[in-house]
PDB file of N, CA and C in Angstrom:
ATOM      1  N   UNK A   1      95.298 -91.103   3.946  1.00  0.00           N
ATOM      2  CA  UNK A   1      94.367 -91.196   2.847  1.00  0.00           C
ATOM      3  C   UNK A   1      95.081 -90.912   1.555  1.00  0.00           C
ATOM      4  N   UNK A   2      94.775 -91.661   0.531  1.00  0.00           N
ATOM      5  CA  UNK A   2      95.372 -91.452  -0.790  1.00  0.00           C
ATOM      6  C   UNK A   2      94.487 -90.553  -1.632  1.00  0.00           C
ATOM      7  N   UNK A   3      95.131 -89.899  -2.601  1.00  0.00           N
ATOM      8  CA  UNK A   3      94.409 -89.029  -3.528  1.00  0.00           C
ATOM      9  C   UNK A   3      94.664 -89.543  -4.946  1.00  0.00           C
ATOM     10  N   UNK A   4      93.710 -89.277  -5.821  1.00  0.00           N
ATOM     11  CA  UNK A   4      93.729 -89.776  -7.194  1.00  0.00           C
ATOM     12  C   UNK A   4      93.319 -88.645  -8.108  1.00  0.00           C
ATOM     13  N   UNK A   5      93.809 -88.674  -9.371  1.00  0.00           N
ATOM     14  CA  UNK A   5      93.365 -87.718 -10.381  1.00  0.00           C
ATOM     15  C   UNK A   5      92.515 -88.478 -11.368  1.00  0.00           C
ATOM     16  N   UNK A   6      91.292 -88.035 -11.530  1.00  0.00           N
ATOM     17  CA  UNK A   6      90.340 -88.671 -12.462  1.00  0.00           C
ATOM     18  C   UNK A   6      90.476 -88.006 -13.822  1.00  0.00           C
ATOM     19  N   UNK A   7      90.989 -88.748 -14.795  1.00  0.00           N
ATOM     20  CA  UNK A   7      91.204 -88.169 -16.128  1.00  0.00           C
ATOM     21  C   UNK A   7      89.900 -87.944 -16.885  1.00  0.00           C
ATOM     22  N   UNK A   8      88.844 -88.631 -16.521  1.00  0.00           N
ATOM     23  CA  UNK A   8      87.561 -88.443 -17.160  1.00  0.00           C
ATOM     24  C   UNK A   8      86.888 -87.165 -16.724  1.00  0.00           C
ATOM     25  N   UNK A   9      87.052 -86.811 -15.458  1.00  0.00           N
ATOM     26  CA  UNK A   9      86.360 -85.617 -14.924  1.00  0.00           C
ATOM     27  C   UNK A   9      87.325 -84.445 -14.729  1.00  0.00           C
ATOM     28  N   UNK A  10      88.649 -84.715 -14.666  1.00  0.00           N
ATOM     29  CA  UNK A  10      89.611 -83.664 -14.408  1.00  0.00           C
ATOM     30  C   UNK A  10      89.627 -83.240 -12.943  1.00  0.00           C
ATOM     31  N   UNK A  11      89.099 -84.077 -12.067  1.00  0.00           N
ATOM     32  CA  UNK A  11      89.007 -83.732 -10.647  1.00  0.00           C
ATOM     33  C   UNK A  11      89.886 -84.618  -9.793  1.00  0.00           C
ATOM     34  N   UNK A  12      90.328 -84.088  -8.677  1.00  0.00           N
ATOM     35  CA  UNK A  12      91.066 -84.853  -7.668  1.00  0.00           C
ATOM     36  C   UNK A  12      90.020 -85.551  -6.799  1.00  0.00           C
ATOM     37  N   UNK A  13      90.280 -86.810  -6.504  1.00  0.00           N
ATOM     38  CA  UNK A  13      89.375 -87.605  -5.695  1.00  0.00           C
ATOM     39  C   UNK A  13      90.177 -88.246  -4.564  1.00  0.00           C
ATOM     40  N   UNK A  14      89.451 -88.697  -3.540  1.00  0.00           N
ATOM     41  CA  UNK A  14      90.104 -89.439  -2.459  1.00  0.00           C
ATOM     42  C   UNK A  14      89.612 -90.868  -2.469  1.00  0.00           C
ATOM     43  N   UNK A  15      90.056 -91.655  -1.523  1.00  0.00           N
ATOM     44  CA  UNK A  15      89.636 -93.062  -1.503  1.00  0.00           C
ATOM     45  C   UNK A  15      88.129 -93.231  -1.448  1.00  0.00           C
ATOM     46  N   UNK A  16      87.449 -92.315  -0.792  1.00  0.00           N
ATOM     47  CA  UNK A  16      85.990 -92.434  -0.647  1.00  0.00           C
ATOM     48  C   UNK A  16      85.219 -92.037  -1.906  1.00  0.00           C
ATOM     49  N   UNK A  17      85.815 -91.172  -2.743  1.00  0.00           N
ATOM     50  CA  UNK A  17      85.106 -90.691  -3.929  1.00  0.00           C
ATOM     51  C   UNK A  17      85.726 -91.183  -5.239  1.00  0.00           C
ATOM     52  N   UNK A  18      86.694 -92.046  -5.146  1.00  0.00           N
ATOM     53  CA  UNK A  18      87.464 -92.486  -6.276  1.00  0.00           C
ATOM     54  C   UNK A  18      86.580 -93.164  -7.352  1.00  0.00           C
ATOM     55  N   UNK A  19      86.859 -92.793  -8.615  1.00  0.00           N
ATOM     56  CA  UNK A  19      86.169 -93.379  -9.745  1.00  0.00           C
ATOM     57  C   UNK A  19      86.748 -94.740 -10.127  1.00  0.00           C
ATOM     58  N   UNK A  20      86.363 -95.214 -11.285  1.00  0.00           N
ATOM     59  CA  UNK A  20      86.822 -96.513 -11.794  1.00  0.00           C
ATOM     60  C   UNK A  20      88.326 -96.510 -12.004  1.00  0.00           C
ATOM     61  N   UNK A  21      88.937 -97.687 -11.864  1.00  0.00           N
ATOM     62  CA  UNK A  21      90.383 -97.800 -12.013  1.00  0.00           C
ATOM     63  C   UNK A  21      90.888 -97.254 -13.339  1.00  0.00           C
ATOM     64  N   UNK A  22      90.141 -97.495 -14.389  1.00  0.00           N
ATOM     65  CA  UNK A  22      90.603 -97.057 -15.727  1.00  0.00           C
ATOM     66  C   UNK A  22      90.559 -95.530 -15.893  1.00  0.00           C
ATOM     67  N   UNK A  23      89.909 -94.829 -14.985  1.00  0.00           N
ATOM     68  CA  UNK A  23      89.773 -93.382 -15.078  1.00  0.00           C
ATOM     69  C   UNK A  23      90.712 -92.617 -14.188  1.00  0.00           C
ATOM     70  N   UNK A  24      91.448 -93.302 -13.281  1.00  0.00           N
ATOM     71  CA  UNK A  24      92.222 -92.562 -12.298  1.00  0.00           C
ATOM     72  C   UNK A  24      93.718 -92.819 -12.411  1.00  0.00           C
ATOM     73  N   UNK A  25      94.479 -91.802 -12.025  1.00  0.00           N
ATOM     74  CA  UNK A  25      95.927 -91.906 -11.930  1.00  0.00           C
ATOM     75  C   UNK A  25      96.257 -91.738 -10.435  1.00  0.00           C
ATOM     76  N   UNK A  26      97.170 -92.553  -9.965  1.00  0.00           N
ATOM     77  CA  UNK A  26      97.568 -92.443  -8.564  1.00  0.00           C
ATOM     78  C   UNK A  26      97.847 -93.816  -8.005  1.00  0.00           C
ATOM     79  N   UNK A  27      98.027 -93.910  -6.753  1.00  0.00           N
ATOM     80  CA  UNK A  27      97.699 -92.922  -5.702  1.00  0.00           C
ATOM     81  C   UNK A  27      98.803 -91.910  -5.490  1.00  0.00           C
ATOM     82  N   UNK A  28      98.402 -90.765  -4.962  1.00  0.00           N
ATOM     83  CA  UNK A  28      99.306 -89.697  -4.563  1.00  0.00           C
ATOM     84  C   UNK A  28      99.125 -89.412  -3.076  1.00  0.00           C
ATOM     85  N   UNK A  29     100.172 -88.931  -2.447  1.00  0.00           N
ATOM     86  CA  UNK A  29     100.142 -88.657  -1.018  1.00  0.00           C
ATOM     87  C   UNK A  29      99.343 -87.419  -0.654  1.00  0.00           C
ATOM     88  N   UNK A  30      99.320 -86.444  -1.589  1.00  0.00           N
ATOM     89  CA  UNK A  30      98.603 -85.182  -1.275  1.00  0.00           C
ATOM     90  C   UNK A  30      97.681 -84.829  -2.426  1.00  0.00           C
ATOM     91  N   UNK A  31      96.701 -83.984  -2.088  1.00  0.00           N
ATOM     92  CA  UNK A  31      95.790 -83.482  -3.096  1.00  0.00           C
ATOM     93  C   UNK A  31      96.529 -82.671  -4.148  1.00  0.00           C
ATOM     94  N   UNK A  32      97.531 -81.910  -3.715  1.00  0.00           N
ATOM     95  CA  UNK A  32      98.317 -81.095  -4.647  1.00  0.00           C
ATOM     96  C   UNK A  32      99.046 -81.975  -5.650  1.00  0.00           C
ATOM     97  N   UNK A  33      99.687 -83.050  -5.165  1.00  0.00           N
ATOM     98  CA  UNK A  33     100.372 -83.972  -6.080  1.00  0.00           C
ATOM     99  C   UNK A  33      99.395 -84.562  -7.096  1.00  0.00           C
ATOM    100  N   UNK A  34      98.228 -84.926  -6.635  1.00  0.00           N
ATOM    101  CA  UNK A  34      97.246 -85.512  -7.542  1.00  0.00           C
ATOM    102  C   UNK A  34      96.779 -84.499  -8.580  1.00  0.00           C
ATOM    103  N   UNK A  35      96.667 -83.234  -8.206  1.00  0.00           N
ATOM    104  CA  UNK A  35      96.219 -82.193  -9.129  1.00  0.00           C
ATOM    105  C   UNK A  35      97.252 -81.976 -10.251  1.00  0.00           C
ATOM    106  N   UNK A  36      98.513 -82.350 -10.006  1.00  0.00           N
ATOM    107  CA  UNK A  36      99.551 -82.182 -11.010  1.00  0.00           C
ATOM    108  C   UNK A  36      99.860 -83.502 -11.752  1.00  0.00           C
ATOM    109  N   UNK A  37      98.979 -84.467 -11.669  1.00  0.00           N
ATOM    110  CA  UNK A  37      99.236 -85.803 -12.237  1.00  0.00           C
ATOM    111  C   UNK A  37      99.576 -85.758 -13.708  1.00  0.00           C
ATOM    112  N   UNK A  38      98.845 -85.007 -14.506  1.00  0.00           N
ATOM    113  CA  UNK A  38      99.094 -84.965 -15.934  1.00  0.00           C
ATOM    114  C   UNK A  38     100.429 -84.298 -16.238  1.00  0.00           C
ATOM    115  N   UNK A  39     100.746 -83.253 -15.537  1.00  0.00           N
ATOM    116  CA  UNK A  39     102.026 -82.551 -15.715  1.00  0.00           C
ATOM    117  C   UNK A  39     103.176 -83.478 -15.324  1.00  0.00           C
ATOM    118  N   UNK A  40     103.046 -84.166 -14.200  1.00  0.00           N
ATOM    119  CA  UNK A  40     104.087 -85.084 -13.748  1.00  0.00           C
ATOM    120  C   UNK A  40     104.292 -86.206 -14.764  1.00  0.00           C
ATOM    121  N   UNK A  41     103.187 -86.754 -15.283  1.00  0.00           N
ATOM    122  CA  UNK A  41     103.290 -87.837 -16.297  1.00  0.00           C
ATOM    123  C   UNK A  41     103.983 -87.320 -17.546  1.00  0.00           C
ATOM    124  N   UNK A  42     103.654 -86.125 -17.981  1.00  0.00           N
ATOM    125  CA  UNK A  42     104.297 -85.564 -19.195  1.00  0.00           C
ATOM    126  C   UNK A  42     105.805 -85.359 -18.976  1.00  0.00           C
ATOM    127  N   UNK A  43     106.168 -84.870 -17.800  1.00  0.00           N
ATOM    128  CA  UNK A  43     107.590 -84.652 -17.510  1.00  0.00           C
ATOM    129  C   UNK A  43     108.356 -85.998 -17.481  1.00  0.00           C
ATOM    130  N   UNK A  44     107.756 -87.002 -16.875  1.00  0.00           N
ATOM    131  CA  UNK A  44     108.411 -88.322 -16.808  1.00  0.00           C
ATOM    132  C   UNK A  44     108.532 -88.933 -18.186  1.00  0.00           C
ATOM    133  N   UNK A  45     107.496 -88.781 -19.004  1.00  0.00           N
ATOM    134  CA  UNK A  45     107.532 -89.325 -20.356  1.00  0.00           C
ATOM    135  C   UNK A  45     108.617 -88.650 -21.182  1.00  0.00           C
ATOM    136  N   UNK A  46     108.762 -87.350 -21.045  1.00  0.00           N
ATOM    137  CA  UNK A  46     109.807 -86.638 -21.769  1.00  0.00           C
ATOM    138  C   UNK A  46     111.204 -87.106 -21.355  1.00  0.00           C
ATOM    139  N   UNK A  47     111.386 -87.292 -20.055  1.00  0.00           N
ATOM    140  CA  UNK A  47     112.673 -87.783 -19.542  1.00  0.00           C
ATOM    141  C   UNK A  47     112.966 -89.201 -20.033  1.00  0.00           C
ATOM    142  N   UNK A  48     111.972 -90.060 -20.012  1.00  0.00           N
ATOM    143  CA  UNK A  48     112.164 -91.426 -20.487  1.00  0.00           C
ATOM    144  C   UNK A  48     112.459 -91.457 -21.987  1.00  0.00           C
ATOM    145  N   UNK A  49     111.764 -90.626 -22.746  1.00  0.00           N
ATOM    146  CA  UNK A  49     112.030 -90.548 -24.202  1.00  0.00           C
ATOM    147  C   UNK A  49     113.449 -90.099 -24.457  1.00  0.00           C
ATOM    148  N   UNK A  50     113.921 -89.135 -23.687  1.00  0.00           N
ATOM    149  CA  UNK A  50     115.303 -88.656 -23.875  1.00  0.00           C
ATOM    150  C   UNK A  50     116.293 -89.747 -23.482  1.00  0.00           C
ATOM    151  N   UNK A  51     116.030 -90.456 -22.407  1.00  0.00           N
ATOM    152  CA  UNK A  51     116.921 -91.568 -22.016  1.00  0.00           C
ATOM    153  C   UNK A  51     116.937 -92.637 -23.074  1.00  0.00           C
ATOM    154  N   UNK A  52     115.788 -92.964 -23.660  1.00  0.00           N
ATOM    155  CA  UNK A  52     115.733 -93.953 -24.747  1.00  0.00           C
ATOM    156  C   UNK A  52     116.544 -93.484 -25.937  1.00  0.00           C
ATOM    157  N   UNK A  53     116.414 -92.192 -26.295  1.00  0.00           N
ATOM    158  CA  UNK A  53     117.149 -91.661 -27.437  1.00  0.00           C
ATOM    159  C   UNK A  53     118.655 -91.785 -27.189  1.00  0.00           C
ATOM    160  N   UNK A  54     119.099 -91.409 -25.994  1.00  0.00           N
ATOM    161  CA  UNK A  54     120.537 -91.502 -25.680  1.00  0.00           C
ATOM    162  C   UNK A  54     121.023 -92.937 -25.726  1.00  0.00           C
ATOM    163  N   UNK A  55     120.218 -93.857 -25.199  1.00  0.00           N
ATOM    164  CA  UNK A  55     120.601 -95.266 -25.194  1.00  0.00           C
ATOM    165  C   UNK A  55     120.691 -95.800 -26.638  1.00  0.00           C
ATOM    166  N   UNK A  56     119.699 -95.472 -27.461  1.00  0.00           N
ATOM    167  CA  UNK A  56     119.690 -95.948 -28.837  1.00  0.00           C
ATOM    168  C   UNK A  56     120.857 -95.374 -29.651  1.00  0.00           C
ATOM    169  N   UNK A  57     121.317 -94.168 -29.309  1.00  0.00           N
ATOM    170  CA  UNK A  57     122.421 -93.555 -30.007  1.00  0.00           C
ATOM    171  C   UNK A  57     123.769 -93.875 -29.359  1.00  0.00           C
ATOM    172  N   UNK A  58     123.740 -94.735 -28.334  1.00  0.00           N
ATOM    173  CA  UNK A  58     124.961 -95.176 -27.680  1.00  0.00           C
ATOM    174  C   UNK A  58     125.626 -94.140 -26.804  1.00  0.00           C
ATOM    175  N   UNK A  59     124.851 -93.179 -26.335  1.00  0.00           N
ATOM    176  CA  UNK A  59     125.411 -92.129 -25.477  1.00  0.00           C
ATOM    177  C   UNK A  59     125.480 -92.557 -24.022  1.00  0.00           C
ATOM    178  N   UNK A  60     124.774 -93.570 -23.634  1.00  0.00           N
ATOM    179  CA  UNK A  60     124.792 -94.027 -22.221  1.00  0.00           C
ATOM    180  C   UNK A  60     125.452 -95.370 -22.118  1.00  0.00           C
TER     181      UNK A  60
END
């Protein structure tokens, strides 16, 4: 079963309770992973921004 994080409600959902596509992030393998969806997204965005900065400055 997949888990989803609903950004509208702030709740973890499963396939049976999942909200609209535009409201959910996922799928995630575990409820715990889904509960950290916003943190994971922020960490990935920060890493991608840093990679872009290095590329634009010719460091990579």
